[in-house]
Protein backbone atom coordinates (compact mmCIF):
# COMPACT_ATOMS: atom_id res chain seq x y z
CA UNK A 1 65.91 -21.55 -29.07
CA UNK A 2 63.40 -21.29 -26.23
CA UNK A 3 59.71 -22.08 -26.42
CA UNK A 4 57.46 -19.16 -27.38
CA UNK A 5 55.21 -18.08 -24.57
CA UNK A 6 51.44 -18.42 -25.30
CA UNK A 7 49.61 -15.22 -26.16
CA UNK A 8 47.18 -13.97 -23.55
CA UNK A 9 44.22 -12.97 -25.78
CA UNK A 10 42.19 -11.48 -22.93
CA UNK A 11 45.05 -9.21 -21.92
CA UNK A 12 45.67 -8.25 -25.54
CA UNK A 13 41.97 -7.31 -26.13
CA UNK A 14 41.90 -5.34 -22.90
CA UNK A 15 45.00 -3.37 -24.08
CA UNK A 16 43.38 -2.68 -27.46
CA UNK A 17 40.14 -1.49 -25.83
CA UNK A 18 42.09 0.80 -23.55
CA UNK A 19 44.01 2.35 -26.46
CA UNK A 20 40.82 2.92 -28.44
CA UNK A 21 39.18 4.55 -25.42
CA UNK A 22 42.20 6.82 -24.92
CA UNK A 23 42.23 7.89 -28.59
CA UNK A 24 38.51 8.60 -28.54
CA UNK A 25 38.91 10.82 -25.47
CA UNK A 26 41.72 12.66 -27.19
CA UNK A 27 39.55 13.19 -30.32
CA UNK A 28 41.75 11.09 -32.60
CA UNK A 29 38.67 9.00 -33.53
CA UNK A 30 36.10 11.52 -34.70
CA UNK A 31 32.43 11.01 -35.59
CA UNK A 32 33.32 9.98 -39.18
CA UNK A 33 35.45 7.12 -37.93
CA UNK A 34 32.70 6.04 -35.51
CA UNK A 35 30.15 6.04 -38.30
CA UNK A 36 32.45 3.99 -40.56
CA UNK A 37 32.96 1.48 -37.79
CA UNK A 38 29.19 0.81 -37.74
CA UNK A 39 28.94 0.16 -41.48
CA UNK A 40 28.91 -3.61 -42.32
CA UNK A 41 31.90 -4.85 -44.17
CA UNK A 42 31.37 -5.22 -47.93
CA UNK A 43 29.68 -8.52 -48.62
CA UNK A 44 29.43 -9.28 -44.92
CA UNK A 45 26.32 -10.24 -42.96
CA UNK A 46 24.62 -8.16 -40.32
CA UNK A 47 25.26 -9.24 -36.80
CA UNK A 48 22.42 -11.01 -34.99
CA UNK A 49 21.91 -8.08 -32.60
CA UNK A 50 21.02 -5.89 -35.57
CA UNK A 51 18.63 -8.57 -36.92
CA UNK A 52 16.70 -8.55 -33.61
CA UNK A 53 15.91 -4.86 -34.07
CA UNK A 54 13.88 -5.71 -37.14
CA UNK A 55 13.13 -9.47 -36.91
CA UNK A 56 10.53 -9.65 -39.65
CA UNK A 57 12.79 -8.08 -42.29
CA UNK A 58 15.75 -10.17 -41.12
CA UNK A 59 13.61 -13.31 -41.25
CA UNK A 60 12.62 -12.54 -44.84
CA UNK A 61 16.25 -12.08 -45.76
CA UNK A 62 17.22 -15.33 -44.04
CA UNK A 63 14.53 -17.22 -45.93
CA UNK A 64 15.83 -15.95 -49.25
CA UNK A 65 19.53 -16.38 -48.43
CA UNK A 66 21.41 -19.06 -50.40
CA UNK A 67 23.69 -21.36 -48.47
CA UNK A 68 27.05 -21.87 -50.22
CA UNK A 69 29.90 -24.28 -49.43
CA UNK A 70 33.39 -24.31 -51.00
CA UNK A 71 34.69 -27.90 -51.05
CA UNK A 72 38.23 -26.87 -52.02
CA UNK A 73 41.02 -27.66 -49.61
CA UNK A 74 44.13 -25.45 -49.50
CA UNK A 75 46.31 -27.90 -47.72
CA UNK A 76 49.56 -28.78 -49.54
CA UNK A 77 49.98 -32.22 -51.11
CA UNK A 78 46.74 -33.79 -49.67
CA UNK A 79 44.57 -30.80 -50.65
CA UNK A 80 43.45 -32.19 -54.04
CA UNK A 81 42.55 -35.52 -52.48
CA UNK A 82 40.47 -33.85 -49.77
CA UNK A 83 38.76 -31.67 -52.34
CA UNK A 84 37.87 -34.69 -54.48
CA UNK A 85 36.59 -36.60 -51.44
CA UNK A 86 34.40 -33.69 -50.42
CA UNK A 87 32.90 -33.40 -53.91
CA UNK A 88 32.12 -37.13 -53.91
CA UNK A 89 30.39 -36.93 -50.53
CA UNK A 90 28.45 -33.83 -51.61
CA UNK A 91 27.25 -35.56 -54.74
CA UNK A 92 26.11 -38.61 -52.69
CA UNK A 93 24.12 -36.62 -50.11
CA UNK A 94 22.89 -33.81 -52.35
CA UNK A 95 19.45 -35.36 -52.82
CA UNK A 96 19.08 -36.01 -49.09
CA UNK A 97 20.18 -32.52 -48.12
CA UNK A 98 17.86 -31.08 -50.75
CA UNK A 99 14.90 -32.85 -49.12
CA UNK A 100 15.96 -31.60 -45.67
CA UNK A 101 16.39 -28.06 -46.90
CA UNK A 102 13.01 -28.13 -48.63
CA UNK A 103 11.40 -29.33 -45.47
CA UNK A 104 13.19 -26.71 -43.39
CA UNK A 105 12.16 -23.97 -45.79
CA UNK A 106 8.52 -25.07 -45.47
CA UNK A 107 8.81 -25.03 -41.67
CA UNK A 108 10.43 -21.60 -41.79
CA UNK A 109 7.67 -20.16 -43.99
CA UNK A 110 4.99 -21.74 -41.74
CA UNK A 111 6.60 -20.23 -38.72
CA UNK A 112 6.71 -16.83 -40.39
CA UNK A 113 3.07 -17.13 -41.38
CA UNK A 114 2.15 -18.23 -37.86
CA UNK A 115 3.98 -15.27 -36.38
CA UNK A 116 2.04 -12.97 -38.68
CA UNK A 117 -1.21 -14.70 -37.71
CA UNK A 118 -0.58 -14.54 -34.01
CA UNK A 119 0.82 -11.05 -34.08
CA UNK A 120 -1.58 -9.38 -36.47
CA UNK A 121 -4.82 -11.37 -36.78
CA UNK A 122 -5.12 -12.78 -33.25
CA UNK A 123 -6.19 -9.49 -31.63
CA UNK A 124 -9.12 -9.31 -34.02
CA UNK A 125 -10.05 -12.90 -33.28
CA UNK A 126 -9.68 -12.24 -29.58
CA UNK A 127 -12.10 -9.33 -29.74
CA UNK A 128 -14.57 -11.41 -31.75
CA UNK A 129 -14.30 -14.24 -29.25
CA UNK A 130 -14.95 -11.88 -26.32
CA UNK A 131 -17.98 -10.52 -28.12
CA UNK A 132 -19.33 -14.04 -28.84
CA UNK A 133 -18.85 -15.07 -25.22
CA UNK A 134 -20.62 -11.94 -24.06
CA UNK A 135 -23.49 -12.43 -26.47
CA UNK A 136 -23.83 -16.09 -25.50
CA UNK A 137 -23.90 -15.25 -21.82
CA UNK A 138 -26.54 -12.60 -22.39
CA UNK A 139 -28.62 -15.00 -24.47
CA UNK A 140 -28.54 -17.65 -21.66
CA UNK A 141 -29.44 -15.04 -19.08
CA UNK A 142 -32.34 -13.80 -21.19
CA UNK A 143 -33.47 -17.34 -21.97
CA UNK A 144 -34.01 -18.17 -18.28
CA UNK A 145 -34.75 -14.66 -17.01
CA UNK A 146 -31.65 -14.67 -14.88
CA UNK A 147 -32.19 -11.05 -14.00
CA UNK A 148 -35.42 -11.94 -12.22
CA UNK A 149 -35.08 -11.47 -8.48
CA UNK A 150 -35.10 -14.96 -7.01
CA UNK A 151 -36.49 -13.92 -3.62
CA UNK A 152 -39.54 -12.32 -5.19
CA UNK A 153 -40.11 -15.32 -7.46
CA UNK A 154 -39.83 -17.78 -4.55
CA UNK A 155 -42.31 -15.70 -2.57
CA UNK A 156 -44.89 -15.90 -5.39
CA UNK A 157 -44.29 -19.26 -7.05
CA UNK A 158 -41.76 -21.18 -5.00
CA UNK A 159 -44.31 -22.75 -2.69
CA UNK A 160 -44.93 -22.25 1.00
CA UNK A 161 -42.27 -23.68 3.25
CA UNK A 162 -44.67 -25.92 5.18
CA UNK A 163 -45.84 -27.47 1.89
CA UNK A 164 -42.30 -28.13 0.67
CA UNK A 165 -41.43 -29.53 4.07
CA UNK A 166 -44.39 -31.90 3.96
CA UNK A 167 -43.49 -33.06 0.45
CA UNK A 168 -39.85 -33.61 1.37
CA UNK A 169 -40.59 -35.54 4.59
CA UNK A 170 -41.66 -38.58 2.54
CA UNK A 171 -38.01 -39.11 1.46
CA UNK A 172 -36.07 -38.44 4.64
CA UNK A 173 -36.27 -42.04 5.84
CA UNK A 174 -34.36 -43.18 2.74
CA UNK A 175 -31.28 -41.49 4.26
CA UNK A 176 -31.61 -42.84 7.80
CA UNK A 177 -28.23 -43.56 9.39
CA UNK A 178 -26.31 -41.57 6.76
CA UNK A 179 -23.57 -39.10 7.75
CA UNK A 180 -22.90 -37.04 4.65
CA UNK A 181 -25.98 -36.47 2.47
CA UNK A 182 -25.68 -33.93 -0.32
CA UNK A 183 -28.64 -31.71 -1.29
CA UNK A 184 -28.13 -30.42 -4.84
CA UNK A 185 -29.92 -27.10 -5.33
CA UNK A 186 -30.55 -26.86 -1.60
CA UNK A 187 -32.37 -23.51 -1.83
CA UNK A 188 -33.55 -22.25 1.55
CA UNK A 189 -32.31 -25.39 3.24
CA UNK A 190 -35.72 -26.98 4.01
CA UNK A 191 -34.55 -30.54 3.33
CA UNK A 192 -31.31 -29.94 5.19
CA UNK A 193 -33.40 -28.91 8.24
CA UNK A 194 -35.34 -32.19 7.98
CA UNK A 195 -32.10 -34.14 7.91
CA UNK A 196 -30.82 -32.29 10.91
CA UNK A 197 -34.05 -32.94 12.87
CA UNK A 198 -33.63 -36.66 12.18
CA UNK A 199 -29.95 -36.64 13.24
CA UNK A 200 -28.76 -37.18 9.65
CA UNK A 201 -25.63 -35.37 8.53
CA UNK A 202 -25.98 -33.30 5.36
CA UNK A 203 -24.96 -30.24 3.46
CA UNK A 204 -26.11 -28.35 0.37
CA UNK A 205 -24.89 -26.55 -2.71
CA UNK A 206 -26.71 -23.86 -4.64
CA UNK A 207 -25.81 -21.26 -7.26
CA UNK A 208 -28.08 -18.56 -5.79
CA UNK A 209 -26.17 -16.56 -3.15
CA UNK A 210 -29.39 -15.35 -1.58
CA UNK A 211 -30.64 -18.94 -1.05
CA UNK A 212 -27.22 -19.94 0.37
CA UNK A 213 -27.31 -16.98 2.75
CA UNK A 214 -30.79 -17.97 4.02
CA UNK A 215 -29.65 -21.52 4.64
CA UNK A 216 -26.58 -20.39 6.49
CA UNK A 217 -28.67 -18.08 8.69
CA UNK A 218 -30.44 -21.25 9.92
CA UNK A 219 -27.08 -22.74 10.93
CA UNK A 220 -26.98 -25.13 7.95
CA UNK A 221 -23.93 -26.00 5.88
CA UNK A 222 -24.40 -24.58 2.36
CA UNK A 223 -21.97 -23.65 -0.35
CA UNK A 224 -22.38 -21.40 -3.37
CA UNK A 225 -21.10 -23.62 -6.18
CA UNK A 226 -22.28 -25.31 -9.37
CA UNK A 227 -23.60 -28.83 -8.75
CA UNK A 228 -21.53 -30.57 -11.44
CA UNK A 229 -18.37 -28.72 -10.45
CA UNK A 230 -18.82 -29.76 -6.81
CA UNK A 231 -19.55 -33.40 -7.63
CA UNK A 232 -16.37 -33.59 -9.69
CA UNK A 233 -14.29 -32.04 -6.90
CA UNK A 234 -15.41 -34.29 -3.99
CA UNK A 235 -13.52 -37.46 -3.25
CA UNK A 236 -14.95 -40.57 -4.92
CA UNK A 237 -17.36 -42.47 -2.63
CA UNK A 238 -17.35 -39.68 -0.02
CA UNK A 239 -21.11 -38.84 -0.28
CA UNK A 240 -23.50 -41.40 1.24
CA UNK A 241 -26.74 -40.00 -0.07
CA UNK A 242 -27.98 -37.48 -2.60
CA UNK A 243 -31.21 -35.48 -2.88
CA UNK A 244 -32.14 -33.02 -5.61
CA UNK A 245 -35.54 -31.41 -5.63
CA UNK A 246 -36.58 -29.51 -8.76
CA UNK A 247 -33.07 -29.32 -10.24
CA UNK A 248 -33.21 -31.59 -13.24
CA UNK A 249 -35.69 -29.46 -15.19
CA UNK A 250 -33.36 -26.47 -14.96
CA UNK A 251 -30.59 -28.06 -16.99
CA UNK A 252 -30.19 -29.56 -20.48
CA UNK A 253 -30.37 -33.34 -20.98
CA UNK A 254 -26.66 -33.66 -21.61
CA UNK A 255 -25.91 -31.76 -18.41
CA UNK A 256 -28.23 -34.03 -16.49
CA UNK A 257 -26.48 -37.15 -17.75
CA UNK A 258 -23.13 -35.61 -16.75
CA UNK A 259 -24.48 -34.90 -13.27
CA UNK A 260 -25.75 -38.49 -12.92
CA UNK A 261 -22.33 -39.81 -13.89
CA UNK A 262 -20.65 -37.50 -11.40
CA UNK A 263 -23.18 -38.60 -8.74
CA UNK A 264 -22.31 -42.26 -9.29
CA UNK A 265 -18.61 -41.40 -8.79
CA UNK A 266 -19.27 -39.34 -5.68
CA UNK A 267 -21.70 -41.72 -4.00
CA UNK A 268 -20.62 -44.55 -1.70
CA UNK A 269 -21.66 -48.05 -2.75
CA UNK A 270 -25.35 -48.61 -2.02
CA UNK A 271 -26.02 -44.93 -1.27
CA UNK A 272 -29.52 -43.70 -2.23
CA UNK A 273 -30.20 -41.05 -4.86
CA UNK A 274 -33.43 -39.09 -5.21
CA UNK A 275 -34.41 -36.66 -7.94
CA UNK A 276 -37.73 -34.85 -7.79
CA UNK A 277 -39.13 -33.02 -10.77
CA UNK A 278 -42.50 -31.90 -12.23
CA UNK A 279 -44.54 -34.70 -13.74
CA UNK A 280 -45.28 -33.94 -17.44
CA UNK A 281 -47.53 -36.98 -17.75
CA UNK A 282 -50.10 -34.72 -16.09
CA UNK A 283 -50.98 -32.45 -18.97
CA UNK A 284 -51.90 -29.45 -16.80
CA UNK A 285 -48.34 -29.62 -15.53
CA UNK A 286 -46.55 -30.26 -18.82
CA UNK A 287 -48.64 -27.70 -20.73
CA UNK A 288 -49.07 -25.00 -18.09
CA UNK A 289 -47.61 -24.99 -14.58
CA UNK A 290 -44.20 -26.28 -15.69
CA UNK A 291 -43.70 -23.13 -17.66
CA UNK A 292 -44.52 -20.83 -14.79
CA UNK A 293 -40.83 -20.90 -13.91
CA UNK A 294 -38.85 -19.15 -16.64
CA UNK A 295 -35.73 -21.06 -15.63
CA UNK A 296 -37.28 -24.41 -16.55
CA UNK A 297 -35.69 -25.66 -19.81
CA UNK A 298 -37.66 -28.81 -20.63
CA UNK A 299 -39.84 -31.37 -18.84
CA UNK A 300 -38.57 -34.90 -18.31
CA UNK A 301 -41.03 -37.81 -18.71
CA UNK A 302 -40.69 -40.35 -15.83
CA UNK A 303 -39.78 -43.26 -18.13
CA UNK A 304 -37.00 -41.20 -19.66
CA UNK A 305 -35.56 -40.31 -16.22
CA UNK A 306 -35.72 -44.00 -15.20
CA UNK A 307 -33.81 -44.80 -18.37
CA UNK A 308 -31.15 -42.28 -17.51
CA UNK A 309 -30.51 -43.94 -14.14
CA UNK A 310 -30.52 -47.43 -15.68
CA UNK A 311 -27.97 -46.48 -18.33
CA UNK A 312 -25.69 -44.88 -15.74
CA UNK A 313 -25.62 -48.01 -13.63
CA UNK A 314 -27.92 -47.24 -10.71
CA UNK A 315 -29.87 -50.13 -9.24
CA UNK A 316 -33.31 -50.82 -7.69
CA UNK A 317 -34.87 -47.87 -9.55
CA UNK A 318 -38.40 -46.85 -8.81
CA UNK A 319 -40.65 -43.89 -9.67
CA UNK A 320 -43.06 -42.37 -7.19
CA UNK A 321 -45.67 -39.83 -8.15
CA UNK A 322 -47.19 -37.55 -5.51
CA UNK A 323 -48.94 -34.24 -4.92
CA UNK A 324 -52.39 -34.80 -6.56
CA UNK A 325 -53.93 -31.92 -8.47
CA UNK A 326 -56.43 -29.89 -6.50
CA UNK A 327 -58.93 -29.67 -9.34
CA UNK A 328 -60.50 -32.87 -10.70
CA UNK A 329 -63.59 -33.83 -12.66
CA UNK A 330 -66.42 -35.50 -10.72
CA UNK A 331 -66.38 -39.27 -11.37
CA UNK A 332 -70.11 -39.98 -11.29
CA UNK A 333 -72.63 -41.37 -13.75
CA UNK A 334 -72.75 -44.82 -15.32
CA UNK A 335 -69.71 -47.11 -15.48
CA UNK A 336 -68.58 -46.06 -19.00
CA UNK A 337 -68.83 -42.41 -18.05
CA UNK A 338 -66.91 -43.00 -14.82
CA UNK A 339 -64.12 -44.78 -16.65
CA UNK A 340 -63.80 -41.97 -19.20
CA UNK A 341 -63.77 -39.28 -16.52
CA UNK A 342 -61.22 -41.29 -14.52
CA UNK A 343 -58.95 -41.45 -17.56
CA UNK A 344 -59.33 -37.68 -18.06
CA UNK A 345 -58.53 -37.04 -14.44
CA UNK A 346 -55.35 -39.17 -14.68
CA UNK A 347 -54.33 -37.43 -17.85
CA UNK A 348 -55.27 -33.86 -17.02
CA UNK A 349 -55.23 -33.70 -13.25
CA UNK A 350 -52.83 -36.43 -12.12
CA UNK A 351 -49.99 -36.15 -9.61
CA UNK A 352 -47.98 -32.97 -10.23
CA UNK A 353 -44.59 -34.24 -9.16
CA UNK A 354 -42.61 -37.47 -9.21
CA UNK A 355 -39.47 -38.77 -7.69
CA UNK A 356 -37.04 -41.18 -9.39
CA UNK A 357 -35.12 -43.18 -6.80
CA UNK A 358 -32.07 -45.31 -7.35
CA UNK A 359 -29.01 -46.68 -5.52
CA UNK A 360 -25.34 -46.49 -6.33
CA UNK A 361 -24.08 -49.91 -7.39
CA UNK A 362 -22.36 -51.93 -4.67
């Protein structure tokens, strides 16, 4: 008796499909037969493709479905032994399987709840988040009068360019011999011009596109970017000097500390750092002129600024006050009167600005 040839299942299925197609074309399989072929078998499960059409309902059914296992073996002779062995194994691992199934059920229900949360509640939260972000942005803009035209403000309150140039000249020599000095909040580029006149390499960053455009018109290198963002992007130790005039009072204390930390990372060892800000020790500044700029957030006492630099590791820190007030009380009369008037002048009409100077640690 010869060996039976193996059955080619692919060829057999192809033949069956061809016969069914032929009978459908001839009308032997009518619409009733087609409908019956789509009905699930009694007691059978839906196929996965059908579940995907309604995943939420199918998921609910799957969560409630009981898993059954028949341990009986139908093999002759050894069947009873196999059945008994299966029952013993099931009894031994039942508690372990129960714990696993309980955990899996919890995971399934959490996944179902998460799907519902993401699919149904997330859009509402997204809209709320967008509204909160919009409201916060508007609040910040209103807080500092961001809609105020900067060019007009600079023309009225920003100071004459010759005055700013004179004030800034006192600090240029600190950067002598440097090749890449960064001016934070470079504005119209006055300090960058001073650096160029002295043969010192420098560039600036500023958030105001109008100020950046004015600096570029003078042939200066200026970039429209946030100071902290830029400091974090530059290569460590690539900046060999840093100057920031009237920047610190425009940001919150925490932001200032972050900028100082980023400055230390960006500065080369031994590179100088200069921050200039209004001097609130002079009461006419802290109580009046400081608030003439709506973008000023809070004044910084000189001792506090010095402390910031000390904590962040800068060395050889010093504070310089400059720009005396134009109005002062006459210091005449007897010695006691002169001393009192002198104290009043220092308190009310002292220097209007100060610079805190430090160096990156070597």
